[in-house]
Amino acid sequence: MENNKYTDNCDDEKPTVMVTNDDGIDAPGLRALVRVLVASNRFRVLVCAPDSEKSAVSHSITWRHPISAKQVNIDGAIAYAVSGTPADCTSLGISQALFPLVPDLVISGINMGSNCGYHIVYSGTVAGAREAFFNDIPAVSISYDWVGGRSSVDDYTLAAEACLPIFRAIVAEIRNKSYPLGGFLNIDLPTDVANHKGYKLTRQGKSIFKMGWTQVVSERQGGKMLSSMEMESDSTAKTESDTTTVTAGDLLFKRQVKGAQIDDFDSDKRSLQEGYITVTPLGAVSQAEDDCRSYFDEWLPSVAQRFSSSAL
């Protein structure tokens, strides 16, 4: 393993930031983020990201077999492409098995497509930050609300630049030993990021794309679902080879977006649509709402009375 370029700068007092994502190490969102971090000349930058797209894998981890890491040339950073999931990448990158130092801050993104509401559960981008949070390392996940026909790759650079003050503020609080470790931040940037309305602290809402299934006869039928939850519609989108093996008698199905459910009140998704950069503190615990818990407080004792083995 060649870490000479990194270890030569170990006496550098710049804070260390590690970048990961779920769109893959070659994704324009990650590359733009790294370029902005490097150009700021305020951070030592590491990259540990999946070697291919791992969108919507949530917090899955590789358990039963080793993962590989291959050094990749990214100007100004020490970078590795890893065969695992976003959570794997963060876990490996902060472990000191790959890099000699534990990063001060982990940044996961910039994702193609927003991650608000219930979609946070599916998100590999958010999982990359959550894994750092599990290990008491400050973390941020970042997503850009990509819309086909309106967005361009230049918007990722604008998004990264808009987040720089947050990164600097977090690092300053880390240095002062005053940054809280009880959560991590999920940031979403609006489609018209050049004209955003500023930062807004929000809470996770209940927005979600309603998904269905449609039967197809081949992997290529119906187009490719992008990580933005859109179907591929332009020639610049990355294509993949047909690797699905279908034997005679098998049925083949693809996901299909049926519609969207958006909160009617103040939430991350609603504020994002209004043009704000939403900053949502997240944790790891998924609690039921109070009225639901109250229902089960009364319901569970009755189960033993009504459906015990002696009553059957």
Protein backbone atom coordinates (compact mmCIF):
# COMPACT_ATOMS: atom_id res chain seq x y z
CA MET A 1 0.00 0.00 0.00
CA GLU A 2 1.46 3.37 -1.00
CA ASN A 3 0.60 6.09 1.48
CA ASN A 4 3.82 8.08 1.02
CA LYS A 5 2.04 11.14 -0.35
CA TYR A 6 -0.16 11.13 2.72
CA THR A 7 2.43 10.36 5.38
CA ASP A 8 4.76 13.04 4.01
CA ASN A 9 2.15 15.59 5.08
CA CYS A 10 1.31 14.12 8.47
CA ASP A 11 2.88 17.14 10.21
CA ASP A 12 0.44 19.37 8.31
CA GLU A 13 -2.01 20.84 10.81
CA LYS A 14 -4.89 20.91 8.35
CA PRO A 15 -7.90 18.87 9.53
CA THR A 16 -8.42 15.58 7.72
CA VAL A 17 -11.66 15.10 5.79
CA MET A 18 -12.64 11.76 4.27
CA VAL A 19 -15.08 11.67 1.37
CA THR A 20 -17.27 8.75 0.38
CA ASN A 21 -20.54 8.35 -1.56
CA ASP A 22 -22.93 5.80 -3.07
CA ASP A 23 -22.80 6.86 -6.75
CA GLY A 24 -19.25 5.54 -7.09
CA ILE A 25 -15.78 7.05 -7.03
CA ASP A 26 -16.08 8.32 -10.62
CA ALA A 27 -19.37 10.14 -9.98
CA PRO A 28 -19.30 13.86 -10.85
CA GLY A 29 -20.80 14.79 -7.47
CA LEU A 30 -17.92 13.23 -5.54
CA ARG A 31 -15.30 14.62 -7.93
CA ALA A 32 -16.71 18.14 -7.65
CA LEU A 33 -16.80 17.91 -3.85
CA VAL A 34 -13.17 16.76 -3.70
CA ARG A 35 -12.04 19.52 -6.11
CA VAL A 36 -13.70 22.19 -3.97
CA LEU A 37 -12.24 20.79 -0.73
CA VAL A 38 -8.76 20.61 -2.25
CA ALA A 39 -9.01 24.08 -3.85
CA SER A 40 -9.99 25.61 -0.51
CA ASN A 41 -6.54 24.61 0.79
CA ARG A 42 -8.03 24.13 4.25
CA PHE A 43 -8.25 20.34 4.46
CA ARG A 44 -6.20 17.21 4.00
CA VAL A 45 -8.50 15.15 1.77
CA LEU A 46 -8.94 11.39 1.72
CA VAL A 47 -11.36 9.47 -0.48
CA CYS A 48 -12.68 5.98 0.19
CA ALA A 49 -15.64 5.32 -2.09
CA PRO A 50 -17.33 2.42 -3.90
CA ASP A 51 -15.75 1.32 -7.17
CA SER A 52 -19.19 1.28 -8.82
CA GLU A 53 -22.66 2.69 -8.23
CA LYS A 54 -24.21 1.53 -4.94
CA SER A 55 -27.33 3.72 -4.85
CA ALA A 56 -30.21 2.78 -2.54
CA VAL A 57 -28.25 0.04 -0.74
CA SER A 58 -29.08 1.69 2.60
CA HIS A 59 -26.76 0.61 5.45
CA SER A 60 -25.87 -2.80 4.05
CA ILE A 61 -22.40 -4.13 4.84
CA THR A 62 -20.14 -6.83 3.43
CA TRP A 63 -19.84 -9.59 5.98
CA ARG A 64 -18.89 -12.96 4.50
CA HIS A 65 -15.99 -12.12 2.20
CA PRO A 66 -13.10 -9.63 1.90
CA ILE A 67 -13.39 -6.38 0.00
CA SER A 68 -10.71 -4.96 -2.27
CA ALA A 69 -9.26 -1.43 -2.33
CA LYS A 70 -7.47 0.01 -5.35
CA GLN A 71 -5.62 3.33 -5.27
CA VAL A 72 -7.04 5.89 -7.72
CA ASN A 73 -5.45 9.11 -8.93
CA ILE A 74 -7.45 12.15 -7.80
CA ASP A 75 -5.49 15.41 -7.75
CA GLY A 76 -4.84 16.72 -4.25
CA ALA A 77 -6.28 13.68 -2.46
CA ILE A 78 -5.36 10.17 -1.45
CA ALA A 79 -8.11 8.03 -2.94
CA TYR A 80 -9.16 4.39 -2.97
CA ALA A 81 -11.92 2.67 -4.90
CA VAL A 82 -13.44 -0.09 -2.77
CA SER A 83 -15.51 -3.09 -3.81
CA GLY A 84 -17.92 -2.69 -0.89
CA THR A 85 -20.93 -0.58 0.08
CA PRO A 86 -20.87 3.04 1.30
CA ALA A 87 -20.99 1.83 4.92
CA ASP A 88 -18.07 -0.53 4.15
CA CYS A 89 -16.10 2.36 2.67
CA THR A 90 -16.58 4.57 5.71
CA SER A 91 -15.82 1.73 8.10
CA LEU A 92 -12.62 0.86 6.26
CA GLY A 93 -11.58 4.48 5.81
CA ILE A 94 -11.85 5.37 9.50
CA SER A 95 -10.36 2.10 10.78
CA GLN A 96 -6.66 3.03 10.32
CA ALA A 97 -6.29 -0.19 8.31
CA LEU A 98 -6.23 1.79 5.04
CA PHE A 99 -5.20 5.31 6.11
CA PRO A 100 -2.81 5.96 9.02
CA LEU A 101 -5.03 8.57 10.71
CA VAL A 102 -8.67 8.72 11.71
CA PRO A 103 -10.36 11.58 9.81
CA ASP A 104 -11.73 14.54 11.72
CA LEU A 105 -14.82 14.67 9.52
CA VAL A 106 -16.52 12.29 7.08
CA ILE A 107 -18.49 13.75 4.16
CA SER A 108 -20.69 11.46 2.07
CA GLY A 109 -21.82 12.77 -1.34
CA ILE A 110 -22.64 14.73 -3.34
CA ASN A 111 -25.53 12.46 -4.29
CA MET A 112 -27.42 12.76 -7.57
CA GLY A 113 -30.94 13.36 -6.28
CA SER A 114 -32.29 14.56 -2.95
CA ASN A 115 -32.44 12.43 0.19
CA CYS A 116 -35.36 13.66 2.26
CA GLY A 117 -38.15 12.11 4.26
CA TYR A 118 -38.46 8.33 4.19
CA HIS A 119 -35.87 8.09 1.40
CA ILE A 120 -33.22 8.67 4.03
CA VAL A 121 -33.80 5.05 5.04
CA TYR A 122 -32.93 3.77 1.55
CA SER A 123 -29.98 6.07 1.00
CA GLY A 124 -26.46 4.73 0.72
CA THR A 125 -25.24 8.34 0.83
CA VAL A 126 -26.78 8.87 4.26
CA ALA A 127 -25.46 5.47 5.39
CA GLY A 128 -21.92 6.58 4.58
CA ALA A 129 -22.29 9.40 7.12
CA ARG A 130 -24.28 7.30 9.59
CA GLU A 131 -21.48 4.73 9.78
CA ALA A 132 -19.08 7.47 10.89
CA PHE A 133 -21.63 8.62 13.46
CA PHE A 134 -21.81 5.07 14.82
CA ASN A 135 -18.08 5.39 15.47
CA ASP A 136 -18.25 8.83 17.15
CA ILE A 137 -16.83 10.71 14.16
CA PRO A 138 -18.59 13.89 12.98
CA ALA A 139 -20.24 13.33 9.62
CA VAL A 140 -22.32 15.01 6.93
CA SER A 141 -24.27 13.51 4.04
CA ILE A 142 -24.91 15.78 1.06
CA SER A 143 -27.41 15.44 -1.79
CA TYR A 144 -28.29 17.70 -4.70
CA ASP A 145 -31.87 17.78 -5.99
CA TRP A 146 -31.00 16.83 -9.56
CA VAL A 147 -33.76 17.35 -12.13
CA GLY A 148 -33.22 16.07 -15.66
CA GLY A 149 -33.23 18.84 -18.24
CA ARG A 150 -32.61 21.56 -15.63
CA SER A 151 -29.51 20.40 -13.78
CA SER A 152 -25.94 20.18 -15.02
CA VAL A 153 -22.69 18.79 -13.61
CA ASP A 154 -21.59 22.37 -12.83
CA ASP A 155 -24.30 22.47 -10.16
CA TYR A 156 -22.31 19.97 -8.09
CA THR A 157 -19.48 22.50 -7.80
CA LEU A 158 -21.93 25.20 -6.72
CA ALA A 159 -23.40 22.78 -4.19
CA ALA A 160 -19.99 21.92 -2.74
CA GLU A 161 -19.03 25.59 -2.50
CA ALA A 162 -22.31 26.38 -0.74
CA CYS A 163 -21.49 23.74 1.90
CA LEU A 164 -17.92 24.94 2.59
CA PRO A 165 -18.95 27.28 5.44
CA ILE A 166 -20.66 24.35 7.16
CA PHE A 167 -17.55 22.16 6.84
CA ARG A 168 -15.34 24.93 8.22
CA ALA A 169 -17.72 25.59 11.10
CA ILE A 170 -17.87 21.90 12.02
CA VAL A 171 -14.09 21.59 12.00
CA ALA A 172 -13.76 24.70 14.16
CA GLU A 173 -16.15 23.21 16.72
CA ILE A 174 -14.27 19.91 16.61
CA ARG A 175 -11.03 21.75 17.36
CA ASN A 176 -12.76 23.49 20.27
CA LYS A 177 -14.07 20.11 21.48
CA SER A 178 -17.58 21.56 21.43
CA TYR A 179 -19.11 19.70 18.47
CA PRO A 180 -21.92 17.34 19.59
CA LEU A 181 -21.57 13.66 18.76
CA GLY A 182 -25.24 12.84 19.41
CA GLY A 183 -26.18 13.06 15.72
CA PHE A 184 -24.99 13.81 12.21
CA LEU A 185 -26.15 16.21 9.50
CA ASN A 186 -28.04 15.47 6.29
CA ILE A 187 -27.84 18.35 3.81
CA ASP A 188 -29.95 18.71 0.67
CA LEU A 189 -29.35 21.44 -1.91
CA PRO A 190 -32.12 22.79 -4.17
CA THR A 191 -32.17 22.34 -7.93
CA ASP A 192 -31.55 26.05 -8.54
CA VAL A 193 -28.59 26.00 -6.19
CA ALA A 194 -27.12 29.18 -7.70
CA ASN A 195 -30.12 31.09 -6.30
CA HIS A 196 -30.70 29.23 -3.06
CA LYS A 197 -32.42 31.02 -0.14
CA GLY A 198 -29.81 30.11 2.45
CA TYR A 199 -29.51 27.43 5.12
CA LYS A 200 -32.58 26.22 6.96
CA LEU A 201 -32.61 23.80 9.89
CA THR A 202 -35.27 21.21 9.14
CA ARG A 203 -36.54 17.89 10.40
CA GLN A 204 -36.96 14.62 8.56
CA GLY A 205 -40.41 14.48 7.04
CA LYS A 206 -42.50 11.67 5.56
CA SER A 207 -42.08 12.36 1.85
CA ILE A 208 -41.59 9.32 -0.36
CA PHE A 209 -41.81 8.22 -3.97
CA LYS A 210 -44.57 5.65 -4.38
CA MET A 211 -43.00 2.69 -6.14
CA GLY A 212 -44.54 -0.14 -8.09
CA TRP A 213 -43.39 -2.89 -10.42
CA THR A 214 -43.85 -3.58 -14.10
CA GLN A 215 -43.11 -6.82 -15.91
CA VAL A 216 -40.44 -6.61 -18.63
CA VAL A 217 -38.89 -9.11 -21.01
CA SER A 218 -35.28 -7.88 -20.78
CA GLU A 219 -32.98 -5.91 -18.49
CA ARG A 220 -32.86 -3.03 -20.96
CA GLN A 221 -36.61 -2.64 -21.41
CA GLY A 222 -38.06 0.46 -19.75
CA GLY A 223 -34.74 2.29 -19.34
CA LYS A 224 -32.50 2.61 -16.33
CA MET A 225 -33.68 3.99 -12.99
CA LEU A 226 -31.31 6.78 -11.96
CA SER A 227 -30.32 7.44 -8.36
CA SER A 228 -32.48 10.59 -8.59
CA MET A 229 -35.53 8.27 -8.90
CA GLU A 230 -35.98 9.35 -12.54
CA MET A 231 -35.85 7.13 -15.59
CA GLU A 232 -32.86 7.68 -17.83
CA SER A 233 -33.88 10.25 -20.42
CA ASP A 234 -30.70 11.80 -21.81
CA SER A 235 -27.77 10.47 -23.78
CA THR A 236 -25.20 11.69 -21.25
CA ALA A 237 -26.37 9.33 -18.50
CA LYS A 238 -24.13 6.39 -17.81
CA THR A 239 -25.30 3.08 -19.27
CA GLU A 240 -24.71 -0.39 -17.93
CA SER A 241 -24.37 -3.71 -19.67
CA ASP A 242 -27.11 -6.28 -19.45
CA THR A 243 -25.84 -8.70 -16.80
CA THR A 244 -29.14 -10.24 -15.73
CA THR A 245 -29.45 -13.93 -16.45
CA VAL A 246 -33.03 -14.98 -17.08
CA THR A 247 -33.84 -18.62 -17.66
CA ALA A 248 -36.90 -19.96 -19.39
CA GLY A 249 -39.97 -19.64 -17.21
CA ASP A 250 -38.57 -16.80 -15.05
CA LEU A 251 -40.53 -13.58 -14.69
CA LEU A 252 -38.59 -10.30 -14.87
CA PHE A 253 -39.78 -7.13 -13.12
CA LYS A 254 -38.51 -3.57 -12.85
CA ARG A 255 -39.35 -0.85 -10.36
CA GLN A 256 -41.57 1.94 -11.56
CA VAL A 257 -42.29 5.33 -9.99
CA LYS A 258 -46.04 5.67 -9.45
CA GLY A 259 -46.08 9.12 -7.85
CA ALA A 260 -44.85 11.08 -4.84
CA GLN A 261 -46.11 11.86 -1.36
CA ILE A 262 -44.95 15.24 -0.02
CA ASP A 263 -45.55 16.59 3.47
CA ASP A 264 -48.09 19.41 3.66
CA PHE A 265 -46.24 21.03 6.56
CA ASP A 266 -42.73 22.26 7.26
CA SER A 267 -40.19 19.51 6.63
CA ASP A 268 -36.94 18.79 4.80
CA LYS A 269 -38.57 18.08 1.43
CA ARG A 270 -40.98 21.00 1.55
CA SER A 271 -38.22 23.46 2.48
CA LEU A 272 -35.96 22.05 -0.24
CA GLN A 273 -38.67 22.63 -2.83
CA GLU A 274 -38.97 26.22 -1.59
CA GLY A 275 -35.31 26.77 -2.48
CA TYR A 276 -33.55 26.38 0.86
CA ILE A 277 -30.41 24.40 1.63
CA THR A 278 -31.89 22.07 4.21
CA VAL A 279 -29.78 20.98 7.18
CA THR A 280 -31.37 18.08 9.04
CA PRO A 281 -29.84 16.57 12.20
CA LEU A 282 -30.25 12.80 12.21
CA GLY A 283 -29.62 9.98 14.65
CA ALA A 284 -29.67 6.22 14.48
CA VAL A 285 -32.85 5.35 16.38
CA SER A 286 -36.18 4.90 14.58
CA GLN A 287 -38.95 5.49 17.13
CA ALA A 288 -42.62 5.05 16.42
CA GLU A 289 -44.79 8.14 16.78
CA ASP A 290 -46.36 8.71 20.19
CA ASP A 291 -49.93 7.82 19.18
CA CYS A 292 -48.73 4.56 17.65
CA ARG A 293 -46.75 3.63 20.77
CA SER A 294 -49.75 4.48 22.96
CA TYR A 295 -51.87 2.12 20.89
CA PHE A 296 -49.45 -0.76 21.41
CA ASP A 297 -49.14 0.02 25.13
CA GLU A 298 -52.80 -0.96 25.42
CA TRP A 299 -52.78 -3.60 22.71
CA LEU A 300 -49.93 -5.84 23.87
CA PRO A 301 -51.38 -6.85 27.29
CA SER A 302 -54.61 -7.90 25.58
CA VAL A 303 -52.71 -10.25 23.28
CA ALA A 304 -51.77 -12.55 26.15
CA GLN A 305 -55.34 -12.56 27.42
CA ARG A 306 -57.08 -13.06 24.09
CA PHE A 307 -54.68 -15.32 22.24
CA SER A 308 -52.76 -17.26 24.88
CA SER A 309 -52.27 -20.98 24.24
CA SER A 310 -54.74 -21.84 26.99
CA ALA A 311 -57.45 -19.85 25.24
CA LEU A 312 -57.02 -21.60 21.91
